Amino acid sequence: MVFTRNRLPPEIAMHTVEIHMIDQIDHLVLTTTDETACVRFYVEVLGMTLEQPRPGRKAFRFGSQKIDLQVKGHELELRAHLPVPGALNLCLLANIPLDEVIGRLIAMDIPIEEGPVSRKGATSDIRSVYVRDPDLNLIEISVLMG
């Protein structure tokens, strides 16, 4: 059964304002055209840990989250309607000062598209720089301001 906003069952509709069903993101799936370049960027540049959750699959772990990797043309059976490389706009929180992030990006020849700039994050103000991964996804790397 599909529910639309106007057709929620009464027992659910009466609670939609008070209940926050979703707490956080566990993982997301990234589609790439160049697995080697993608792994290099997320592991060597961003410092994530490469995992192989099952044969033929890779994932990047950071903190308590992960990014599952799929290669264009070899997508998971259950997937987004149109999984395409370069469609992601992702903000990642760094655990080092932004100056160190910038230094690391410069040292690894990763062009900074914009920043540092101040933005409004999900929980507080953030300071960010923007880069592109090998598939041209926009990656915002941020530090919390307070």
C-alpha atoms as a PDB file:
ATOM      1  CA  MET A   1       0.000   0.000   0.000  1.00  0.00           C
ATOM      2  CA  VAL A   2       1.353   3.441  -0.904  1.00  0.00           C
ATOM      3  CA  PHE A   3       0.636   6.379   1.388  1.00  0.00           C
ATOM      4  CA  THR A   4       0.690   9.986   0.300  1.00  0.00           C
ATOM      5  CA  ARG A   5       0.808  12.905   2.692  1.00  0.00           C
ATOM      6  CA  ASN A   6      -2.944  13.488   2.334  1.00  0.00           C
ATOM      7  CA  ARG A   7      -3.841   9.806   2.653  1.00  0.00           C
ATOM      8  CA  LEU A   8      -2.093   8.728   5.839  1.00  0.00           C
ATOM      9  CA  PRO A   9      -4.134   6.419   8.033  1.00  0.00           C
ATOM     10  CA  PRO A  10      -5.678   8.389  10.931  1.00  0.00           C
ATOM     11  CA  GLU A  11      -3.612   6.485  13.527  1.00  0.00           C
ATOM     12  CA  ILE A  12      -0.411   7.667  11.788  1.00  0.00           C
ATOM     13  CA  ALA A  13      -1.584  11.135  10.700  1.00  0.00           C
ATOM     14  CA  MET A  14      -2.330  12.170  14.269  1.00  0.00           C
ATOM     15  CA  HIS A  15       1.307  11.511  15.258  1.00  0.00           C
ATOM     16  CA  THR A  16       3.216  12.973  12.314  1.00  0.00           C
ATOM     17  CA  VAL A  17       3.958  16.245  14.110  1.00  0.00           C
ATOM     18  CA  GLU A  18       5.100  14.759  17.436  1.00  0.00           C
ATOM     19  CA  ILE A  19       7.092  11.727  16.261  1.00  0.00           C
ATOM     20  CA  HIS A  20      10.469  11.936  14.544  1.00  0.00           C
ATOM     21  CA  MET A  21      10.797   8.462  13.136  1.00  0.00           C
ATOM     22  CA  ILE A  22      14.251   8.913  11.554  1.00  0.00           C
ATOM     23  CA  ASP A  23      17.258   9.645  13.769  1.00  0.00           C
ATOM     24  CA  GLN A  24      20.299   9.552  11.472  1.00  0.00           C
ATOM     25  CA  ILE A  25      21.751   8.172   8.253  1.00  0.00           C
ATOM     26  CA  ASP A  26      23.351   4.736   8.532  1.00  0.00           C
ATOM     27  CA  HIS A  27      24.793   4.539   5.023  1.00  0.00           C
ATOM     28  CA  LEU A  28      24.323   5.687   1.469  1.00  0.00           C
ATOM     29  CA  VAL A  29      25.264   4.153  -1.868  1.00  0.00           C
ATOM     30  CA  LEU A  30      27.652   5.893  -4.245  1.00  0.00           C
ATOM     31  CA  THR A  31      27.771   4.996  -7.942  1.00  0.00           C
ATOM     32  CA  THR A  32      31.122   5.332  -9.710  1.00  0.00           C
ATOM     33  CA  THR A  33      32.479   4.859 -13.209  1.00  0.00           C
ATOM     34  CA  ASP A  34      36.086   4.393 -12.032  1.00  0.00           C
ATOM     35  CA  GLU A  35      36.355   2.173  -8.968  1.00  0.00           C
ATOM     36  CA  THR A  36      40.139   2.620  -8.588  1.00  0.00           C
ATOM     37  CA  ALA A  37      39.997   6.436  -8.679  1.00  0.00           C
ATOM     38  CA  CYS A  38      36.984   6.451  -6.360  1.00  0.00           C
ATOM     39  CA  VAL A  39      38.712   4.196  -3.808  1.00  0.00           C
ATOM     40  CA  ARG A  40      41.832   6.383  -3.947  1.00  0.00           C
ATOM     41  CA  PHE A  41      39.811   9.562  -3.305  1.00  0.00           C
ATOM     42  CA  TYR A  42      37.739   8.278  -0.381  1.00  0.00           C
ATOM     43  CA  VAL A  43      40.573   6.288   1.250  1.00  0.00           C
ATOM     44  CA  GLU A  44      43.750   8.261   0.513  1.00  0.00           C
ATOM     45  CA  VAL A  45      42.343  11.795   0.260  1.00  0.00           C
ATOM     46  CA  LEU A  46      39.480  11.674   2.789  1.00  0.00           C
ATOM     47  CA  GLY A  47      41.017   9.028   5.068  1.00  0.00           C
ATOM     48  CA  MET A  48      38.081   6.605   5.132  1.00  0.00           C
ATOM     49  CA  THR A  49      38.625   2.884   5.747  1.00  0.00           C
ATOM     50  CA  LEU A  50      37.992   0.503   2.856  1.00  0.00           C
ATOM     51  CA  GLU A  51      35.868  -2.531   3.740  1.00  0.00           C
ATOM     52  CA  GLN A  52      34.654  -5.491   1.734  1.00  0.00           C
ATOM     53  CA  PRO A  53      31.318  -6.417   3.356  1.00  0.00           C
ATOM     54  CA  ARG A  54      30.885  -9.350   0.965  1.00  0.00           C
ATOM     55  CA  PRO A  55      32.716 -10.646  -2.112  1.00  0.00           C
ATOM     56  CA  GLY A  56      32.626  -8.182  -4.987  1.00  0.00           C
ATOM     57  CA  ARG A  57      31.394  -5.261  -2.865  1.00  0.00           C
ATOM     58  CA  LYS A  58      33.291  -2.382  -1.305  1.00  0.00           C
ATOM     59  CA  ALA A  59      32.369   0.234   1.274  1.00  0.00           C
ATOM     60  CA  PHE A  60      34.041   3.215   2.904  1.00  0.00           C
ATOM     61  CA  ARG A  61      33.732   3.406   6.697  1.00  0.00           C
ATOM     62  CA  PHE A  62      34.084   6.625   8.687  1.00  0.00           C
ATOM     63  CA  GLY A  63      32.903   7.071  12.266  1.00  0.00           C
ATOM     64  CA  SER A  64      29.684   5.093  12.666  1.00  0.00           C
ATOM     65  CA  GLN A  65      28.632   5.581   9.033  1.00  0.00           C
ATOM     66  CA  LYS A  66      29.570   4.067   5.719  1.00  0.00           C
ATOM     67  CA  ILE A  67      29.281   4.668   2.005  1.00  0.00           C
ATOM     68  CA  ASP A  68      28.618   1.556  -0.060  1.00  0.00           C
ATOM     69  CA  LEU A  69      30.214   1.594  -3.495  1.00  0.00           C
ATOM     70  CA  GLN A  70      28.673   0.340  -6.700  1.00  0.00           C
ATOM     71  CA  VAL A  71      30.148   0.510 -10.185  1.00  0.00           C
ATOM     72  CA  LYS A  72      27.976   1.817 -13.021  1.00  0.00           C
ATOM     73  CA  GLY A  73      26.734  -1.173 -14.998  1.00  0.00           C
ATOM     74  CA  HIS A  74      27.221  -3.493 -12.002  1.00  0.00           C
ATOM     75  CA  GLU A  75      24.727  -1.936  -9.592  1.00  0.00           C
ATOM     76  CA  LEU A  76      23.123  -3.724  -6.685  1.00  0.00           C
ATOM     77  CA  GLU A  77      19.898  -5.543  -7.488  1.00  0.00           C
ATOM     78  CA  LEU A  78      17.862  -3.299  -5.211  1.00  0.00           C
ATOM     79  CA  ARG A  79      18.924   0.230  -6.139  1.00  0.00           C
ATOM     80  CA  ALA A  80      17.807   3.770  -6.791  1.00  0.00           C
ATOM     81  CA  HIS A  81      15.618   4.255  -9.848  1.00  0.00           C
ATOM     82  CA  LEU A  82      18.401   6.010 -11.800  1.00  0.00           C
ATOM     83  CA  PRO A  83      21.773   5.437 -10.094  1.00  0.00           C
ATOM     84  CA  VAL A  84      24.176   7.767 -11.868  1.00  0.00           C
ATOM     85  CA  PRO A  85      27.705   8.911 -11.069  1.00  0.00           C
ATOM     86  CA  GLY A  86      28.036  12.581 -10.224  1.00  0.00           C
ATOM     87  CA  ALA A  87      24.533  13.112  -8.800  1.00  0.00           C
ATOM     88  CA  LEU A  88      25.562  13.266  -5.137  1.00  0.00           C
ATOM     89  CA  ASN A  89      25.991  16.411  -3.066  1.00  0.00           C
ATOM     90  CA  LEU A  90      27.388  15.325   0.290  1.00  0.00           C
ATOM     91  CA  CYS A  91      28.523  17.234   3.382  1.00  0.00           C
ATOM     92  CA  LEU A  92      31.081  15.461   5.580  1.00  0.00           C
ATOM     93  CA  LEU A  93      32.159  16.672   9.010  1.00  0.00           C
ATOM     94  CA  ALA A  94      35.922  16.615   9.600  1.00  0.00           C
ATOM     95  CA  ASN A  95      37.509  15.815  12.953  1.00  0.00           C
ATOM     96  CA  ILE A  96      40.578  17.953  12.245  1.00  0.00           C
ATOM     97  CA  PRO A  97      40.810  21.752  11.826  1.00  0.00           C
ATOM     98  CA  LEU A  98      39.734  23.109   8.448  1.00  0.00           C
ATOM     99  CA  ASP A  99      43.244  24.491   7.806  1.00  0.00           C
ATOM    100  CA  GLU A 100      44.566  20.917   8.054  1.00  0.00           C
ATOM    101  CA  VAL A 101      41.843  19.703   5.687  1.00  0.00           C
ATOM    102  CA  ILE A 102      42.841  22.392   3.182  1.00  0.00           C
ATOM    103  CA  GLY A 103      46.527  21.511   3.564  1.00  0.00           C
ATOM    104  CA  ARG A 104      45.803  17.842   2.919  1.00  0.00           C
ATOM    105  CA  LEU A 105      43.719  18.652  -0.168  1.00  0.00           C
ATOM    106  CA  ILE A 106      46.439  20.935  -1.562  1.00  0.00           C
ATOM    107  CA  ALA A 107      49.146  18.340  -0.858  1.00  0.00           C
ATOM    108  CA  MET A 108      47.140  15.729  -2.770  1.00  0.00           C
ATOM    109  CA  ASP A 109      46.422  18.074  -5.714  1.00  0.00           C
ATOM    110  CA  ILE A 110      42.669  18.143  -5.070  1.00  0.00           C
ATOM    111  CA  PRO A 111      41.283  21.470  -6.353  1.00  0.00           C
ATOM    112  CA  ILE A 112      39.065  23.389  -3.948  1.00  0.00           C
ATOM    113  CA  GLU A 113      36.010  24.680  -5.826  1.00  0.00           C
ATOM    114  CA  GLU A 114      34.885  27.050  -3.101  1.00  0.00           C
ATOM    115  CA  GLY A 115      35.817  27.977   0.420  1.00  0.00           C
ATOM    116  CA  PRO A 116      36.424  28.265   3.121  1.00  0.00           C
ATOM    117  CA  VAL A 117      32.903  29.584   3.585  1.00  0.00           C
ATOM    118  CA  SER A 118      30.433  29.730   6.472  1.00  0.00           C
ATOM    119  CA  ARG A 119      27.244  27.709   6.166  1.00  0.00           C
ATOM    120  CA  LYS A 120      24.348  26.523   8.297  1.00  0.00           C
ATOM    121  CA  GLY A 121      24.696  22.810   9.042  1.00  0.00           C
ATOM    122  CA  ALA A 122      22.148  20.352  10.395  1.00  0.00           C
ATOM    123  CA  THR A 123      23.028  21.010  14.045  1.00  0.00           C
ATOM    124  CA  SER A 124      25.130  24.179  14.089  1.00  0.00           C
ATOM    125  CA  ASP A 125      27.043  26.652  11.991  1.00  0.00           C
ATOM    126  CA  ILE A 126      29.846  25.105   9.946  1.00  0.00           C
ATOM    127  CA  ARG A 127      32.897  26.265   8.011  1.00  0.00           C
ATOM    128  CA  SER A 128      33.342  24.416   4.704  1.00  0.00           C
ATOM    129  CA  VAL A 129      35.383  23.786   1.595  1.00  0.00           C
ATOM    130  CA  TYR A 130      33.978  22.163  -1.533  1.00  0.00           C
ATOM    131  CA  VAL A 131      35.756  19.638  -3.768  1.00  0.00           C
ATOM    132  CA  ARG A 132      34.745  17.131  -6.448  1.00  0.00           C
ATOM    133  CA  ASP A 133      35.370  13.402  -6.296  1.00  0.00           C
ATOM    134  CA  PRO A 134      36.472  11.507  -9.454  1.00  0.00           C
ATOM    135  CA  ASP A 135      32.825  11.159 -10.576  1.00  0.00           C
ATOM    136  CA  LEU A 136      32.240  14.917 -10.083  1.00  0.00           C
ATOM    137  CA  ASN A 137      30.046  14.477  -7.005  1.00  0.00           C
ATOM    138  CA  LEU A 138      30.162  17.651  -4.924  1.00  0.00           C
ATOM    139  CA  ILE A 139      31.807  16.926  -1.569  1.00  0.00           C
ATOM    140  CA  GLU A 140      31.565  19.568   1.153  1.00  0.00           C
ATOM    141  CA  ILE A 141      34.090  19.062   3.952  1.00  0.00           C
ATOM    142  CA  SER A 142      33.133  20.987   7.072  1.00  0.00           C
ATOM    143  CA  VAL A 143      34.014  21.660  10.675  1.00  0.00           C
ATOM    144  CA  LEU A 144      31.499  22.581  13.356  1.00  0.00           C
ATOM    145  CA  MET A 145      31.675  26.170  14.557  1.00  0.00           C
ATOM    146  CA  GLY A 146      29.969  25.787  17.886  1.00  0.00           C
END
